[in-house]
Full PDB file with SEQRES, HELIX, SHEET, SSBOND, CRYST1, ORIGX, SCALE, CONECT and MASTER records, all heavy atoms in Angstrom:
SEQRES   1 A   34  GLY GLU ILE ILE ALA MET ALA ARG ARG LEU SER ASP ARG          
SEQRES   2 A   34  ASN ALA ASP MET HIS ALA GLY ILE TRP ASP LYS SER ALA          
SEQRES   3 A   34  VAL GLY ALA HIS GLU VAL ARG GLY                              
HELIX    1 AA1 GLU A    2  ALA A    7  1                                   6    
HELIX    2 AA2 LEU A   10  HIS A   18  1                                   9    
CRYST1    1.000    1.000    1.000  90.00  90.00  90.00 P 1           1          
ORIGX1      1.000000  0.000000  0.000000        0.00000                         
ORIGX2      0.000000  1.000000  0.000000        0.00000                         
ORIGX3      0.000000  0.000000  1.000000        0.00000                         
SCALE1      1.000000  0.000000  0.000000        0.00000                         
SCALE2      0.000000  1.000000  0.000000        0.00000                         
SCALE3      0.000000  0.000000  1.000000        0.00000                         
ATOM      1  N   GLY A   1      96.239  22.545  18.491  1.00  0.00           N  
ATOM      2  CA  GLY A   1      95.775  22.024  17.213  1.00  0.00           C  
ATOM      3  C   GLY A   1      96.825  22.160  16.127  1.00  0.00           C  
ATOM      4  O   GLY A   1      97.015  21.253  15.303  1.00  0.00           O  
ATOM      5  N   GLU A   2      97.542  23.274  16.127  1.00  0.00           N  
ATOM      6  CA  GLU A   2      98.558  23.503  15.103  1.00  0.00           C  
ATOM      7  C   GLU A   2      99.787  22.634  15.333  1.00  0.00           C  
ATOM      8  O   GLU A   2     100.429  22.192  14.365  1.00  0.00           O  
ATOM      9  CB  GLU A   2      98.915  24.989  15.067  1.00  0.00           C  
ATOM     10  CG  GLU A   2      97.767  25.832  14.535  1.00  0.00           C  
ATOM     11  CD  GLU A   2      98.097  27.306  14.430  1.00  0.00           C  
ATOM     12  OE1 GLU A   2      98.915  27.799  15.250  1.00  0.00           O  
ATOM     13  OE2 GLU A   2      97.545  27.970  13.549  1.00  0.00           O  
ATOM     14  N   ILE A   3     100.128  22.374  16.581  1.00  0.00           N  
ATOM     15  CA  ILE A   3     101.239  21.456  16.853  1.00  0.00           C  
ATOM     16  C   ILE A   3     100.929  20.078  16.274  1.00  0.00           C  
ATOM     17  O   ILE A   3     101.766  19.452  15.603  1.00  0.00           O  
ATOM     18  CB  ILE A   3     101.515  21.368  18.371  1.00  0.00           C  
ATOM     19  CG1 ILE A   3     102.122  22.685  18.871  1.00  0.00           C  
ATOM     20  CG2 ILE A   3     102.449  20.202  18.683  1.00  0.00           C  
ATOM     21  CD1 ILE A   3     102.215  22.771  20.386  1.00  0.00           C  
ATOM     22  N   ILE A   4      99.723  19.598  16.527  1.00  0.00           N  
ATOM     23  CA  ILE A   4      99.321  18.293  15.989  1.00  0.00           C  
ATOM     24  C   ILE A   4      99.275  18.328  14.468  1.00  0.00           C  
ATOM     25  O   ILE A   4      99.756  17.411  13.788  1.00  0.00           O  
ATOM     26  CB  ILE A   4      97.954  17.884  16.562  1.00  0.00           C  
ATOM     27  CG1 ILE A   4      98.060  17.649  18.076  1.00  0.00           C  
ATOM     28  CG2 ILE A   4      97.424  16.642  15.863  1.00  0.00           C  
ATOM     29  CD1 ILE A   4      96.735  17.455  18.768  1.00  0.00           C  
ATOM     30  N   ALA A   5      98.710  19.415  13.905  1.00  0.00           N  
ATOM     31  CA  ALA A   5      98.597  19.515  12.451  1.00  0.00           C  
ATOM     32  C   ALA A   5      99.969  19.521  11.778  1.00  0.00           C  
ATOM     33  O   ALA A   5     100.170  18.880  10.742  1.00  0.00           O  
ATOM     34  CB  ALA A   5      97.816  20.772  12.068  1.00  0.00           C  
ATOM     35  N   MET A   6     100.935  20.231  12.377  1.00  0.00           N  
ATOM     36  CA  MET A   6     102.278  20.266  11.787  1.00  0.00           C  
ATOM     37  C   MET A   6     102.983  18.918  11.945  1.00  0.00           C  
ATOM     38  O   MET A   6     103.661  18.464  11.024  1.00  0.00           O  
ATOM     39  CB  MET A   6     103.107  21.384  12.425  1.00  0.00           C  
ATOM     40  CG  MET A   6     102.703  22.777  11.999  1.00  0.00           C  
ATOM     41  SD  MET A   6     103.892  24.023  12.561  1.00  0.00           S  
ATOM     42  CE  MET A   6     103.633  23.991  14.332  1.00  0.00           C  
ATOM     43  N   ALA A   7     102.836  18.294  13.126  1.00  0.00           N  
ATOM     44  CA  ALA A   7     103.478  17.001  13.342  1.00  0.00           C  
ATOM     45  C   ALA A   7     102.953  15.945  12.367  1.00  0.00           C  
ATOM     46  O   ALA A   7     103.692  15.051  11.954  1.00  0.00           O  
ATOM     47  CB  ALA A   7     103.265  16.539  14.783  1.00  0.00           C  
ATOM     48  N   ARG A   8     101.681  16.063  11.985  1.00  0.00           N  
ATOM     49  CA  ARG A   8     101.086  15.124  11.038  1.00  0.00           C  
ATOM     50  C   ARG A   8     101.127  15.638   9.602  1.00  0.00           C  
ATOM     51  O   ARG A   8     100.658  14.952   8.682  1.00  0.00           O  
ATOM     52  CB  ARG A   8      99.633  14.854  11.437  1.00  0.00           C  
ATOM     53  CG  ARG A   8      99.456  14.183  12.792  1.00  0.00           C  
ATOM     54  CD  ARG A   8     100.017  12.778  12.821  1.00  0.00           C  
ATOM     55  NE  ARG A   8      99.304  11.883  11.916  1.00  0.00           N  
ATOM     56  CZ  ARG A   8      98.212  11.200  12.253  1.00  0.00           C  
ATOM     57  NH1 ARG A   8      97.700  11.317  13.474  1.00  0.00           N  
ATOM     58  NH2 ARG A   8      97.631  10.396  11.384  1.00  0.00           N  
ATOM     59  N   ARG A   9     101.654  16.850   9.400  1.00  0.00           N  
ATOM     60  CA  ARG A   9     101.746  17.501   8.077  1.00  0.00           C  
ATOM     61  C   ARG A   9     100.364  17.536   7.407  1.00  0.00           C  
ATOM     62  O   ARG A   9     100.201  17.241   6.218  1.00  0.00           O  
ATOM     63  CB  ARG A   9     102.769  16.776   7.188  1.00  0.00           C  
ATOM     64  CG  ARG A   9     104.177  16.749   7.772  1.00  0.00           C  
ATOM     65  CD  ARG A   9     105.211  16.310   6.759  1.00  0.00           C  
ATOM     66  NE  ARG A   9     105.416  17.337   5.728  1.00  0.00           N  
ATOM     67  CZ  ARG A   9     106.321  18.308   5.815  1.00  0.00           C  
ATOM     68  NH1 ARG A   9     107.066  18.425   6.905  1.00  0.00           N  
ATOM     69  NH2 ARG A   9     106.459  19.161   4.838  1.00  0.00           N  
ATOM     70  N   LEU A  10      99.376  17.937   8.177  1.00  0.00           N  
ATOM     71  CA  LEU A  10      98.011  17.948   7.670  1.00  0.00           C  
ATOM     72  C   LEU A  10      97.790  18.999   6.587  1.00  0.00           C  
ATOM     73  O   LEU A  10      96.986  18.791   5.673  1.00  0.00           O  
ATOM     74  CB  LEU A  10      97.024  18.188   8.827  1.00  0.00           C  
ATOM     75  CG  LEU A  10      96.954  17.099   9.896  1.00  0.00           C  
ATOM     76  CD1 LEU A  10      95.842  17.399  10.893  1.00  0.00           C  
ATOM     77  CD2 LEU A  10      96.722  15.727   9.257  1.00  0.00           C  
ATOM     78  N   SER A  11      98.501  20.131   6.684  1.00  0.00           N  
ATOM     79  CA  SER A  11      98.318  21.153   5.652  1.00  0.00           C  
ATOM     80  C   SER A  11      98.771  20.636   4.290  1.00  0.00           C  
ATOM     81  O   SER A  11      98.130  20.892   3.257  1.00  0.00           O  
ATOM     82  CB  SER A  11      99.089  22.431   6.022  1.00  0.00           C  
ATOM     83  OG  SER A  11     100.475  22.174   6.145  1.00  0.00           O  
ATOM     84  N   ASP A  12      99.871  19.854   4.256  1.00  0.00           N  
ATOM     85  CA  ASP A  12     100.344  19.288   2.993  1.00  0.00           C  
ATOM     86  C   ASP A  12      99.378  18.227   2.473  1.00  0.00           C  
ATOM     87  O   ASP A  12      99.072  18.168   1.280  1.00  0.00           O  
ATOM     88  CB  ASP A  12     101.735  18.669   3.187  1.00  0.00           C  
ATOM     89  CG  ASP A  12     102.785  19.717   3.493  1.00  0.00           C  
ATOM     90  OD1 ASP A  12     102.501  20.913   3.337  1.00  0.00           O  
ATOM     91  OD2 ASP A  12     103.898  19.331   3.905  1.00  0.00           O  
ATOM     92  N   ARG A  13      98.894  17.349   3.390  1.00  0.00           N  
ATOM     93  CA  ARG A  13      97.948  16.306   2.970  1.00  0.00           C  
ATOM     94  C   ARG A  13      96.650  16.925   2.466  1.00  0.00           C  
ATOM     95  O   ARG A  13      96.047  16.444   1.489  1.00  0.00           O  
ATOM     96  CB  ARG A  13      97.652  15.377   4.148  1.00  0.00           C  
ATOM     97  CG  ARG A  13      98.836  14.636   4.738  1.00  0.00           C  
ATOM     98  CD  ARG A  13      99.415  13.585   3.789  1.00  0.00           C  
ATOM     99  NE  ARG A  13     100.290  14.143   2.768  1.00  0.00           N  
ATOM    100  CZ  ARG A  13     101.544  14.520   2.984  1.00  0.00           C  
ATOM    101  NH1 ARG A  13     102.070  14.403   4.184  1.00  0.00           N  
ATOM    102  NH2 ARG A  13     102.283  15.004   1.990  1.00  0.00           N  
ATOM    103  N   ASN A  14      96.218  18.014   3.120  1.00  0.00           N  
ATOM    104  CA  ASN A  14      95.002  18.696   2.693  1.00  0.00           C  
ATOM    105  C   ASN A  14      95.167  19.301   1.304  1.00  0.00           C  
ATOM    106  O   ASN A  14      94.294  19.181   0.437  1.00  0.00           O  
ATOM    107  CB  ASN A  14      94.642  19.785   3.717  1.00  0.00           C  
ATOM    108  CG  ASN A  14      93.417  20.580   3.326  1.00  0.00           C  
ATOM    109  OD1 ASN A  14      92.308  20.064   3.288  1.00  0.00           O  
ATOM    110  ND2 ASN A  14      93.613  21.852   3.044  1.00  0.00           N  
ATOM    111  N   ALA A  15      96.318  19.954   1.088  1.00  0.00           N  
ATOM    112  CA  ALA A  15      96.568  20.559  -0.229  1.00  0.00           C  
ATOM    113  C   ALA A  15      96.613  19.490  -1.314  1.00  0.00           C  
ATOM    114  O   ALA A  15      96.090  19.687  -2.423  1.00  0.00           O  
ATOM    115  CB  ALA A  15      97.871  21.352  -0.195  1.00  0.00           C  
ATOM    116  N   ASP A  16      97.248  18.358  -1.016  1.00  0.00           N  
ATOM    117  CA  ASP A  16      97.307  17.265  -1.996  1.00  0.00           C  
ATOM    118  C   ASP A  16      95.910  16.778  -2.356  1.00  0.00           C  
ATOM    119  O   ASP A  16      95.591  16.565  -3.540  1.00  0.00           O  
ATOM    120  CB  ASP A  16      98.121  16.097  -1.429  1.00  0.00           C  
ATOM    121  CG  ASP A  16      99.612  16.386  -1.387  1.00  0.00           C  
ATOM    122  OD1 ASP A  16     100.044  17.354  -2.038  1.00  0.00           O  
ATOM    123  OD2 ASP A  16     100.339  15.647  -0.694  1.00  0.00           O  
ATOM    124  N   MET A  17      95.081  16.575  -1.365  1.00  0.00           N  
ATOM    125  CA  MET A  17      93.736  16.059  -1.610  1.00  0.00           C  
ATOM    126  C   MET A  17      92.909  17.023  -2.443  1.00  0.00           C  
ATOM    127  O   MET A  17      92.174  16.619  -3.360  1.00  0.00           O  
ATOM    128  CB  MET A  17      93.034  15.766  -0.285  1.00  0.00           C  
ATOM    129  CG  MET A  17      93.624  14.593   0.478  1.00  0.00           C  
ATOM    130  SD  MET A  17      93.348  13.007  -0.341  1.00  0.00           S  
ATOM    131  CE  MET A  17      91.613  12.745   0.035  1.00  0.00           C  
ATOM    132  N   HIS A  18      93.034  18.315  -2.166  1.00  0.00           N  
ATOM    133  CA  HIS A  18      92.307  19.304  -2.967  1.00  0.00           C  
ATOM    134  C   HIS A  18      92.820  19.345  -4.396  1.00  0.00           C  
ATOM    135  O   HIS A  18      92.082  19.731  -5.313  1.00  0.00           O  
ATOM    136  CB  HIS A  18      92.420  20.687  -2.317  1.00  0.00           C  
ATOM    137  CG  HIS A  18      91.467  20.905  -1.182  1.00  0.00           C  
ATOM    138  ND1 HIS A  18      90.133  21.178  -1.356  1.00  0.00           N  
ATOM    139  CD2 HIS A  18      91.656  20.869   0.160  1.00  0.00           C  
ATOM    140  CE1 HIS A  18      89.534  21.316  -0.187  1.00  0.00           C  
ATOM    141  NE2 HIS A  18      90.443  21.129   0.764  1.00  0.00           N  
ATOM    142  N   ALA A  19      94.084  18.947  -4.584  1.00  0.00           N  
ATOM    143  CA  ALA A  19      94.654  18.888  -5.934  1.00  0.00           C  
ATOM    144  C   ALA A  19      94.414  17.538  -6.601  1.00  0.00           C  
ATOM    145  O   ALA A  19      94.910  17.282  -7.697  1.00  0.00           O  
ATOM    146  CB  ALA A  19      96.151  19.181  -5.870  1.00  0.00           C  
ATOM    147  N   GLY A  20      93.687  16.634  -5.917  1.00  0.00           N  
ATOM    148  CA  GLY A  20      93.385  15.334  -6.499  1.00  0.00           C  
ATOM    149  C   GLY A  20      94.464  14.298  -6.305  1.00  0.00           C  
ATOM    150  O   GLY A  20      94.473  13.266  -6.992  1.00  0.00           O  
ATOM    151  N   ILE A  21      95.379  14.517  -5.363  1.00  0.00           N  
ATOM    152  CA  ILE A  21      96.494  13.592  -5.132  1.00  0.00           C  
ATOM    153  C   ILE A  21      96.215  12.767  -3.881  1.00  0.00           C  
ATOM    154  O   ILE A  21      96.020  13.321  -2.785  1.00  0.00           O  
ATOM    155  CB  ILE A  21      97.820  14.368  -4.961  1.00  0.00           C  
ATOM    156  CG1 ILE A  21      98.116  15.193  -6.208  1.00  0.00           C  
ATOM    157  CG2 ILE A  21      98.969  13.409  -4.652  1.00  0.00           C  
ATOM    158  CD1 ILE A  21      99.282  16.156  -6.032  1.00  0.00           C  
ATOM    159  N   TRP A  22      96.206  11.442  -4.029  1.00  0.00           N  
ATOM    160  CA  TRP A  22      95.993  10.525  -2.908  1.00  0.00           C  
ATOM    161  C   TRP A  22      97.339   9.970  -2.477  1.00  0.00           C  
ATOM    162  O   TRP A  22      97.891   9.065  -3.088  1.00  0.00           O  
ATOM    163  CB  TRP A  22      95.041   9.401  -3.338  1.00  0.00           C  
ATOM    164  CG  TRP A  22      94.722   8.414  -2.260  1.00  0.00           C  
ATOM    165  CD1 TRP A  22      95.456   7.325  -1.904  1.00  0.00           C  
ATOM    166  CD2 TRP A  22      93.576   8.419  -1.410  1.00  0.00           C  
ATOM    167  NE1 TRP A  22      94.847   6.646  -0.887  1.00  0.00           N  
ATOM    168  CE2 TRP A  22      93.678   7.301  -0.557  1.00  0.00           C  
ATOM    169  CE3 TRP A  22      92.454   9.251  -1.293  1.00  0.00           C  
ATOM    170  CZ2 TRP A  22      92.718   6.999   0.397  1.00  0.00           C  
ATOM    171  CZ3 TRP A  22      91.503   8.951  -0.345  1.00  0.00           C  
ATOM    172  CH2 TRP A  22      91.633   7.839   0.484  1.00  0.00           C  
ATOM    173  N   ASP A  23      97.910  10.563  -1.396  1.00  0.00           N  
ATOM    174  CA  ASP A  23      99.237  10.156  -0.941  1.00  0.00           C  
ATOM    175  C   ASP A  23      99.124   9.605   0.471  1.00  0.00           C  
ATOM    176  O   ASP A  23      99.367  10.296   1.460  1.00  0.00           O  
ATOM    177  CB  ASP A  23     100.192  11.359  -0.975  1.00  0.00           C  
ATOM    178  CG  ASP A  23     101.611  10.976  -0.587  1.00  0.00           C  
ATOM    179  OD1 ASP A  23     101.897   9.764  -0.496  1.00  0.00           O  
ATOM    180  OD2 ASP A  23     102.413  11.893  -0.363  1.00  0.00           O  
ATOM    181  N   LYS A  24      98.727   8.346   0.578  1.00  0.00           N  
ATOM    182  CA  LYS A  24      98.529   7.710   1.884  1.00  0.00           C  
ATOM    183  C   LYS A  24      99.877   7.190   2.373  1.00  0.00           C  
ATOM    184  O   LYS A  24     100.288   6.079   2.078  1.00  0.00           O  
ATOM    185  CB  LYS A  24      97.518   6.566   1.763  1.00  0.00           C  
ATOM    186  CG  LYS A  24      97.109   5.941   3.095  1.00  0.00           C  
ATOM    187  CD  LYS A  24      96.039   4.885   2.872  1.00  0.00           C  
ATOM    188  CE  LYS A  24      95.564   4.304   4.195  1.00  0.00           C  
ATOM    189  NZ  LYS A  24      96.628   3.636   4.942  1.00  0.00           N  
ATOM    190  N   SER A  25     100.564   8.049   3.138  1.00  0.00           N  
ATOM    191  CA  SER A  25     101.917   7.711   3.580  1.00  0.00           C  
ATOM    192  C   SER A  25     102.131   8.217   4.995  1.00  0.00           C  
ATOM    193  O   SER A  25     101.601   9.260   5.385  1.00  0.00           O  
ATOM    194  CB  SER A  25     102.951   8.336   2.650  1.00  0.00           C  
ATOM    195  OG  SER A  25     104.259   8.186   3.160  1.00  0.00           O  
ATOM    196  N   ALA A  26     102.920   7.499   5.762  1.00  0.00           N  
ATOM    197  CA  ALA A  26     103.276   7.913   7.115  1.00  0.00           C  
ATOM    198  C   ALA A  26     104.585   8.697   7.153  1.00  0.00           C  
ATOM    199  O   ALA A  26     105.007   9.139   8.221  1.00  0.00           O  
ATOM    200  CB  ALA A  26     103.388   6.697   8.020  1.00  0.00           C  
ATOM    201  N   VAL A  27     105.216   8.896   5.998  1.00  0.00           N  
ATOM    202  CA  VAL A  27     106.504   9.588   5.953  1.00  0.00           C  
ATOM    203  C   VAL A  27     106.332  11.022   6.454  1.00  0.00           C  
ATOM    204  O   VAL A  27     105.493  11.766   5.961  1.00  0.00           O  
ATOM    205  CB  VAL A  27     107.072   9.586   4.523  1.00  0.00           C  
ATOM    206  CG1 VAL A  27     108.364  10.419   4.470  1.00  0.00           C  
ATOM    207  CG2 VAL A  27     107.336   8.162   4.066  1.00  0.00           C  
ATOM    208  N   GLY A  28     107.127  11.398   7.431  1.00  0.00           N  
ATOM    209  CA  GLY A  28     107.093  12.761   7.960  1.00  0.00           C  
ATOM    210  C   GLY A  28     105.989  13.024   8.957  1.00  0.00           C  
ATOM    211  O   GLY A  28     105.878  14.138   9.478  1.00  0.00           O  
ATOM    212  N   ALA A  29     105.142  12.033   9.248  1.00  0.00           N  
ATOM    213  CA  ALA A  29     104.034  12.215  10.189  1.00  0.00           C  
ATOM    214  C   ALA A  29     104.401  11.603  11.534  1.00  0.00           C  
ATOM    215  O   ALA A  29     104.877  10.462  11.604  1.00  0.00           O  
ATOM    216  CB  ALA A  29     102.760  11.571   9.643  1.00  0.00           C  
ATOM    217  N   HIS A  30     104.178  12.373  12.617  1.00  0.00           N  
ATOM    218  CA  HIS A  30     104.589  11.930  13.946  1.00  0.00           C  
ATOM    219  C   HIS A  30     103.490  12.195  14.968  1.00  0.00           C  
ATOM    220  O   HIS A  30     102.691  13.125  14.820  1.00  0.00           O  
ATOM    221  CB  HIS A  30     105.863  12.663  14.397  1.00  0.00           C  
ATOM    222  CG  HIS A  30     107.026  12.450  13.490  1.00  0.00           C  
ATOM    223  ND1 HIS A  30     107.856  11.355  13.570  1.00  0.00           N  
ATOM    224  CD2 HIS A  30     107.497  13.204  12.448  1.00  0.00           C  
ATOM    225  CE1 HIS A  30     108.791  11.439  12.657  1.00  0.00           C  
ATOM    226  NE2 HIS A  30     108.596  12.548  11.947  1.00  0.00           N  
ATOM    227  N   GLU A  31     103.474  11.403  16.030  1.00  0.00           N  
ATOM    228  CA  GLU A  31     102.655  11.709  17.189  1.00  0.00           C  
ATOM    229  C   GLU A  31     103.310  12.839  17.979  1.00  0.00           C  
ATOM    230  O   GLU A  31     104.524  13.023  17.928  1.00  0.00           O  
ATOM    231  CB  GLU A  31     102.521  10.492  18.101  1.00  0.00           C  
ATOM    232  CG  GLU A  31     101.755   9.331  17.503  1.00  0.00           C  
ATOM    233  CD  GLU A  31     101.629   8.161  18.475  1.00  0.00           C  
ATOM    234  OE1 GLU A  31     102.271   8.216  19.558  1.00  0.00           O  
ATOM    235  OE2 GLU A  31     100.893   7.208  18.152  1.00  0.00           O  
ATOM    236  N   VAL A  32     102.487  13.579  18.724  1.00  0.00           N  
ATOM    237  CA  VAL A  32     103.067  14.591  19.604  1.00  0.00           C  
ATOM    238  C   VAL A  32     103.416  13.995  20.960  1.00  0.00           C  
ATOM    239  O   VAL A  32     104.218  14.569  21.708  1.00  0.00           O  
ATOM    240  CB  VAL A  32     102.124  15.799  19.789  1.00  0.00           C  
ATOM    241  CG1 VAL A  32     101.867  16.477  18.463  1.00  0.00           C  
ATOM    242  CG2 VAL A  32     100.825  15.404  20.465  1.00  0.00           C  
ATOM    243  N   ARG A  33     102.835  12.866  21.302  1.00  0.00           N  
ATOM    244  CA  ARG A  33     103.171  12.196  22.548  1.00  0.00           C  
ATOM    245  C   ARG A  33     104.666  11.881  22.577  1.00  0.00           C  
ATOM    246  O   ARG A  33     105.221  11.321  21.638  1.00  0.00           O  
ATOM    247  CB  ARG A  33     102.364  10.900  22.680  1.00  0.00           C  
ATOM    248  CG  ARG A  33     102.660  10.118  23.956  1.00  0.00           C  
ATOM    249  CD  ARG A  33     101.834   8.855  24.031  1.00  0.00           C  
ATOM    250  NE  ARG A  33     102.028   7.999  22.853  1.00  0.00           N  
ATOM    251  CZ  ARG A  33     101.493   6.787  22.738  1.00  0.00           C  
ATOM    252  NH1 ARG A  33     100.711   6.305  23.702  1.00  0.00           N  
ATOM    253  NH2 ARG A  33     101.722   6.069  21.644  1.00  0.00           N  
ATOM    254  N   GLY A  34     105.306  12.291  23.656  1.00  0.00           N  
ATOM    255  CA  GLY A  34     106.745  12.043  23.813  1.00  0.00           C  
ATOM    256  C   GLY A  34     107.616  13.149  23.260  1.00  0.00           C  
ATOM    257  O   GLY A  34     108.820  13.171  23.532  1.00  0.00           O  
TER     258      GLY A  34                                                      
MASTER        0    0    0    2    0    0    0    6  257    1    0    3          
END                                                                             
């Protein structure tokens, strides 16, 4: 779960959302496949 969360930078997206920031971007987000 943490590998996927880090690859998708979910902790950063979560913090942004709690701060009221809507940053819908694929920058820095990756699949773990491959």
